[in-house]
C-alpha atoms as a PDB file:
ATOM      1  CA  MET A   1     -39.583  -4.326  -4.695  1.00  0.00           C
ATOM      2  CA  SER A   2     -37.272  -1.457  -4.575  1.00  0.00           C
ATOM      3  CA  LEU A   3     -33.640  -1.553  -5.920  1.00  0.00           C
ATOM      4  CA  PRO A   4     -30.190  -1.669  -3.740  1.00  0.00           C
ATOM      5  CA  ASN A   5     -28.038   1.620  -3.414  1.00  0.00           C
ATOM      6  CA  PRO A   6     -25.623   1.353  -6.224  1.00  0.00           C
ATOM      7  CA  ALA A   7     -22.652   3.239  -3.909  1.00  0.00           C
ATOM      8  CA  GLU A   8     -23.583   0.956  -0.836  1.00  0.00           C
ATOM      9  CA  LEU A   9     -23.494  -2.562  -3.240  1.00  0.00           C
ATOM     10  CA  ILE A  10     -19.768  -1.207  -4.674  1.00  0.00           C
ATOM     11  CA  SER A  11     -18.412  -0.311  -0.863  1.00  0.00           C
ATOM     12  CA  GLN A  12     -19.674  -4.132   0.377  1.00  0.00           C
ATOM     13  CA  MET A  13     -18.398  -5.635  -3.402  1.00  0.00           C
ATOM     14  CA  ALA A  14     -14.889  -3.860  -2.798  1.00  0.00           C
ATOM     15  CA  ILE A  15     -14.643  -5.386   0.691  1.00  0.00           C
ATOM     16  CA  ARG A  16     -15.619  -8.902  -0.586  1.00  0.00           C
ATOM     17  CA  LEU A  17     -12.837  -8.409  -3.990  1.00  0.00           C
ATOM     18  CA  THR A  18     -10.154  -7.404  -1.762  1.00  0.00           C
ATOM     19  CA  GLU A  19     -10.999 -10.665   0.470  1.00  0.00           C
ATOM     20  CA  HIS A  20     -11.187 -12.644  -2.741  1.00  0.00           C
ATOM     21  CA  LEU A  21      -8.114 -12.070  -4.249  1.00  0.00           C
ATOM     22  CA  HIS A  22      -6.050 -12.040  -1.017  1.00  0.00           C
ATOM     23  CA  HIS A  23      -7.690 -15.748  -0.054  1.00  0.00           C
ATOM     24  CA  ARG A  24      -6.680 -16.606  -3.939  1.00  0.00           C
ATOM     25  CA  SER A  25      -3.088 -15.370  -3.346  1.00  0.00           C
ATOM     26  CA  ILE A  26      -3.903 -12.762  -6.389  1.00  0.00           C
ATOM     27  CA  SER A  27      -1.658  -9.489  -6.042  1.00  0.00           C
ATOM     28  CA  GLU A  28      -1.664  -7.993  -9.440  1.00  0.00           C
ATOM     29  CA  PRO A  29      -5.017  -8.643 -11.020  1.00  0.00           C
ATOM     30  CA  ARG A  30      -6.098  -7.165 -14.138  1.00  0.00           C
ATOM     31  CA  TYR A  31      -9.404  -5.464 -14.362  1.00  0.00           C
ATOM     32  CA  ILE A  32     -11.527  -5.394 -17.298  1.00  0.00           C
ATOM     33  CA  GLY A  33     -15.135  -3.688 -17.630  1.00  0.00           C
ATOM     34  CA  ILE A  34     -17.932  -4.918 -19.900  1.00  0.00           C
ATOM     35  CA  ARG A  35     -19.136  -2.118 -22.085  1.00  0.00           C
ATOM     36  CA  THR A  36     -20.864  -0.272 -21.228  1.00  0.00           C
ATOM     37  CA  GLY A  37     -22.376  -0.933 -17.543  1.00  0.00           C
ATOM     38  CA  GLY A  38     -19.408  -3.382 -16.574  1.00  0.00           C
ATOM     39  CA  VAL A  39     -17.318  -0.628 -17.575  1.00  0.00           C
ATOM     40  CA  TRP A  40     -18.680   2.114 -14.975  1.00  0.00           C
ATOM     41  CA  VAL A  41     -18.985  -0.622 -12.315  1.00  0.00           C
ATOM     42  CA  ALA A  42     -15.666  -1.174 -12.837  1.00  0.00           C
ATOM     43  CA  GLN A  43     -14.375   2.246 -12.341  1.00  0.00           C
ATOM     44  CA  ALA A  44     -16.334   3.172  -9.186  1.00  0.00           C
ATOM     45  CA  LEU A  45     -15.351  -0.424  -7.668  1.00  0.00           C
ATOM     46  CA  LEU A  46     -11.889   0.506  -8.640  1.00  0.00           C
ATOM     47  CA  ASP A  47     -11.822   4.138  -7.164  1.00  0.00           C
ATOM     48  CA  GLU A  48     -13.364   2.645  -3.931  1.00  0.00           C
ATOM     49  CA  MET A  49     -10.508   0.220  -3.496  1.00  0.00           C
ATOM     50  CA  GLY A  50      -8.268   3.404  -3.891  1.00  0.00           C
ATOM     51  CA  SER A  51      -6.408   1.406  -7.026  1.00  0.00           C
ATOM     52  CA  ASP A  52      -4.829   3.113  -9.960  1.00  0.00           C
ATOM     53  CA  SER A  53      -4.758  -0.204 -11.672  1.00  0.00           C
ATOM     54  CA  PRO A  54      -5.441   0.429 -15.616  1.00  0.00           C
ATOM     55  CA  LEU A  55      -8.575  -0.482 -16.728  1.00  0.00           C
ATOM     56  CA  GLY A  56      -9.627  -2.740 -19.828  1.00  0.00           C
ATOM     57  CA  THR A  57     -12.935  -2.491 -21.792  1.00  0.00           C
ATOM     58  CA  LEU A  58     -14.578  -5.214 -23.560  1.00  0.00           C
ATOM     59  CA  ASP A  59     -16.895  -4.730 -26.167  1.00  0.00           C
ATOM     60  CA  VAL A  60     -18.612  -8.232 -26.803  1.00  0.00           C
ATOM     61  CA  SER A  61     -21.068  -7.321 -29.819  1.00  0.00           C
ATOM     62  CA  PHE A  62     -19.364  -9.347 -32.144  1.00  0.00           C
ATOM     63  CA  TYR A  63     -19.026 -12.281 -29.640  1.00  0.00           C
ATOM     64  CA  ARG A  64     -22.866 -12.807 -28.868  1.00  0.00           C
ATOM     65  CA  ASP A  65     -24.831 -15.567 -29.883  1.00  0.00           C
ATOM     66  CA  ASP A  66     -27.611 -13.468 -31.121  1.00  0.00           C
ATOM     67  CA  PHE A  67     -25.150 -11.111 -33.233  1.00  0.00           C
ATOM     68  CA  SER A  68     -27.180 -12.448 -36.510  1.00  0.00           C
ATOM     69  CA  GLN A  69     -30.461 -11.712 -35.336  1.00  0.00           C
ATOM     70  CA  ASN A  70     -29.837  -8.341 -34.301  1.00  0.00           C
ATOM     71  CA  GLY A  71     -27.054  -6.988 -36.424  1.00  0.00           C
ATOM     72  CA  LEU A  72     -24.670  -4.706 -35.137  1.00  0.00           C
ATOM     73  CA  HIS A  73     -25.521  -1.842 -32.296  1.00  0.00           C
ATOM     74  CA  PRO A  74     -25.211   1.651 -33.406  1.00  0.00           C
ATOM     75  CA  GLN A  75     -22.527   2.092 -30.136  1.00  0.00           C
ATOM     76  CA  VAL A  76     -20.026  -0.692 -31.086  1.00  0.00           C
ATOM     77  CA  ARG A  77     -16.429   0.454 -29.715  1.00  0.00           C
ATOM     78  CA  PRO A  78     -13.583  -1.561 -30.242  1.00  0.00           C
ATOM     79  CA  SER A  79     -12.139  -3.380 -26.606  1.00  0.00           C
ATOM     80  CA  ALA A  80      -9.138  -1.640 -25.087  1.00  0.00           C
ATOM     81  CA  LEU A  81      -7.016  -4.283 -23.096  1.00  0.00           C
ATOM     82  CA  PRO A  82      -4.065  -2.136 -22.070  1.00  0.00           C
ATOM     83  CA  PHE A  83      -2.158  -5.274 -20.918  1.00  0.00           C
ATOM     84  CA  GLU A  84      -1.477  -9.096 -21.810  1.00  0.00           C
ATOM     85  CA  ILE A  85      -4.370 -11.381 -20.994  1.00  0.00           C
ATOM     86  CA  GLU A  86      -1.911 -14.244 -21.454  1.00  0.00           C
ATOM     87  CA  GLY A  87      -1.242 -16.050 -17.774  1.00  0.00           C
ATOM     88  CA  GLN A  88      -2.807 -13.447 -16.162  1.00  0.00           C
ATOM     89  CA  HIS A  89      -5.276 -13.148 -13.205  1.00  0.00           C
ATOM     90  CA  LEU A  90      -8.271 -11.410 -14.835  1.00  0.00           C
ATOM     91  CA  VAL A  91     -11.104  -9.561 -12.744  1.00  0.00           C
ATOM     92  CA  LEU A  92     -14.134  -9.404 -15.269  1.00  0.00           C
ATOM     93  CA  ILE A  93     -16.791  -6.800 -14.128  1.00  0.00           C
ATOM     94  CA  ASP A  94     -20.534  -6.574 -15.447  1.00  0.00           C
ATOM     95  CA  ASP A  95     -23.383  -4.549 -14.358  1.00  0.00           C
ATOM     96  CA  VAL A  96     -26.185  -7.125 -14.321  1.00  0.00           C
ATOM     97  CA  LEU A  97     -26.035 -10.944 -14.677  1.00  0.00           C
ATOM     98  CA  MET A  98     -28.863 -12.083 -16.522  1.00  0.00           C
ATOM     99  CA  SER A  99     -28.768 -15.369 -18.753  1.00  0.00           C
ATOM    100  CA  GLY A 100     -24.914 -15.564 -18.785  1.00  0.00           C
ATOM    101  CA  ARG A 101     -25.136 -15.502 -22.284  1.00  0.00           C
ATOM    102  CA  THR A 102     -22.505 -11.524 -22.217  1.00  0.00           C
ATOM    103  CA  ILE A 103     -20.235 -13.211 -20.023  1.00  0.00           C
ATOM    104  CA  ARG A 104     -19.856 -16.622 -22.265  1.00  0.00           C
ATOM    105  CA  ALA A 105     -19.209 -13.968 -25.038  1.00  0.00           C
ATOM    106  CA  ALA A 106     -16.805 -11.974 -22.706  1.00  0.00           C
ATOM    107  CA  LEU A 107     -14.806 -15.035 -22.273  1.00  0.00           C
ATOM    108  CA  ASN A 108     -14.722 -16.223 -25.589  1.00  0.00           C
ATOM    109  CA  GLU A 109     -13.167 -13.282 -26.917  1.00  0.00           C
ATOM    110  CA  LEU A 110     -10.874 -12.737 -24.222  1.00  0.00           C
ATOM    111  CA  PHE A 111      -9.438 -16.292 -24.664  1.00  0.00           C
ATOM    112  CA  ASP A 112      -8.950 -14.700 -28.053  1.00  0.00           C
ATOM    113  CA  TYR A 113      -6.852 -12.528 -26.618  1.00  0.00           C
ATOM    114  CA  GLY A 114      -4.254 -15.491 -24.648  1.00  0.00           C
ATOM    115  CA  ARG A 115      -5.129 -17.649 -21.957  1.00  0.00           C
ATOM    116  CA  PRO A 116      -5.812 -15.939 -18.505  1.00  0.00           C
ATOM    117  CA  ALA A 117      -4.260 -17.659 -15.693  1.00  0.00           C
ATOM    118  CA  SER A 118      -8.025 -17.389 -13.633  1.00  0.00           C
ATOM    119  CA  VAL A 119     -11.377 -14.847 -14.337  1.00  0.00           C
ATOM    120  CA  THR A 120     -12.652 -14.049 -11.382  1.00  0.00           C
ATOM    121  CA  LEU A 121     -16.495 -12.273 -12.465  1.00  0.00           C
ATOM    122  CA  VAL A 122     -18.131  -9.553 -10.573  1.00  0.00           C
ATOM    123  CA  CYS A 123     -21.376  -8.218 -10.961  1.00  0.00           C
ATOM    124  CA  LEU A 124     -23.642  -5.449  -9.184  1.00  0.00           C
ATOM    125  CA  LEU A 125     -26.964  -7.287  -9.558  1.00  0.00           C
ATOM    126  CA  ASP A 126     -27.318 -11.496 -10.066  1.00  0.00           C
ATOM    127  CA  LEU A 127     -31.183 -11.370 -11.645  1.00  0.00           C
ATOM    128  CA  ASP A 128     -30.996 -15.185 -10.868  1.00  0.00           C
ATOM    129  CA  ALA A 129     -32.659 -15.927 -14.429  1.00  0.00           C
ATOM    130  CA  GLY A 130     -29.533 -17.713 -15.768  1.00  0.00           C
ATOM    131  CA  GLU A 131     -29.454 -20.130 -18.850  1.00  0.00           C
ATOM    132  CA  LEU A 132     -25.720 -21.063 -19.015  1.00  0.00           C
ATOM    133  CA  PRO A 133     -24.187 -22.284 -15.606  1.00  0.00           C
ATOM    134  CA  ILE A 134     -22.565 -18.969 -14.838  1.00  0.00           C
ATOM    135  CA  ARG A 135     -22.150 -17.137 -11.417  1.00  0.00           C
ATOM    136  CA  PRO A 136     -20.749 -14.612 -10.121  1.00  0.00           C
ATOM    137  CA  ASN A 137     -17.350 -14.990  -7.582  1.00  0.00           C
ATOM    138  CA  VAL A 138     -18.198 -11.324  -6.377  1.00  0.00           C
ATOM    139  CA  VAL A 139     -21.705 -10.009  -6.425  1.00  0.00           C
ATOM    140  CA  GLY A 140     -23.402  -7.083  -5.121  1.00  0.00           C
ATOM    141  CA  ALA A 141     -27.320  -8.266  -4.900  1.00  0.00           C
ATOM    142  CA  THR A 142     -29.031 -11.192  -6.338  1.00  0.00           C
ATOM    143  CA  LEU A 143     -32.775  -9.777  -7.628  1.00  0.00           C
ATOM    144  CA  ALA A 144     -35.745 -12.326  -8.692  1.00  0.00           C
ATOM    145  CA  LEU A 145     -38.033  -9.662 -11.047  1.00  0.00           C
ATOM    146  CA  ALA A 146     -41.156 -10.811 -12.681  1.00  0.00           C
ATOM    147  CA  ALA A 147     -41.050 -12.164 -15.994  1.00  0.00           C
ATOM    148  CA  ASN A 148     -41.488  -8.687 -17.703  1.00  0.00           C
ATOM    149  CA  GLN A 149     -39.202  -6.554 -15.909  1.00  0.00           C
ATOM    150  CA  ARG A 150     -35.422  -5.832 -16.180  1.00  0.00           C
ATOM    151  CA  VAL A 151     -33.595  -3.761 -13.941  1.00  0.00           C
ATOM    152  CA  LYS A 152     -31.207  -1.007 -16.340  1.00  0.00           C
ATOM    153  CA  LEU A 153     -27.776   0.732 -14.969  1.00  0.00           C
ATOM    154  CA  SER A 154     -27.037   4.161 -15.476  1.00  0.00           C
ATOM    155  CA  GLY A 155     -24.073   5.739 -15.186  1.00  0.00           C
ATOM    156  CA  PRO A 156     -21.519   6.466 -14.903  1.00  0.00           C
ATOM    157  CA  GLU A 157     -23.066   7.715 -11.938  1.00  0.00           C
ATOM    158  CA  LEU A 158     -24.180   4.724 -11.678  1.00  0.00           C
ATOM    159  CA  LYS A 159     -28.713   4.337 -11.385  1.00  0.00           C
ATOM    160  CA  LEU A 160     -30.581   1.464 -11.415  1.00  0.00           C
ATOM    161  CA  GLU A 161     -34.410   1.463 -12.550  1.00  0.00           C
ATOM    162  CA  PHE A 162     -36.797  -1.237 -13.372  1.00  0.00           C
ATOM    163  CA  GLN A 163     -38.060  -1.113 -16.848  1.00  0.00           C
ATOM    164  CA  ASP A 164     -40.934  -3.044 -18.225  1.00  0.00           C
ATOM    165  CA  VAL A 165     -40.853  -5.431 -21.152  1.00  0.00           C
ATOM    166  CA  ALA A 166     -43.419  -7.007 -23.477  1.00  0.00           C
ATOM    167  CA  PRO A 167     -43.558 -10.828 -22.260  1.00  0.00           C
END
């Protein structure tokens, strides 16, 4: 199996996201990327859409349910949300959706800042391995991987590669 071209996915996602927002009558969404891969995808998506909207960044490390097991990752940085959350239509962007736990953590953190009017979830890849009932509204591609495979996004130039993990 080969991985899809991220640039082509971003182009398709920009069209789908624009249609989704138009259909929902959302004219001024607030964009938030989940650090780090989601921030890279969000910036590429905003560039493709020709948008100069401010981009918020979310680091969900403290909100993860495995924080006590894994401890603090050395690259944890504070979240930066240059706009209000309360009553806003948010577009939450991540690179790879796997179990859904990162998205759950992101939603928990966002609600600590206020109650948004809506949250649209956008993911570059959905690995269709959900442990929680979370599905993106806009997705670049859905992949089914072997149990020992993962996909890693590097950036900010958006390069996808397979990784093998121990069973």
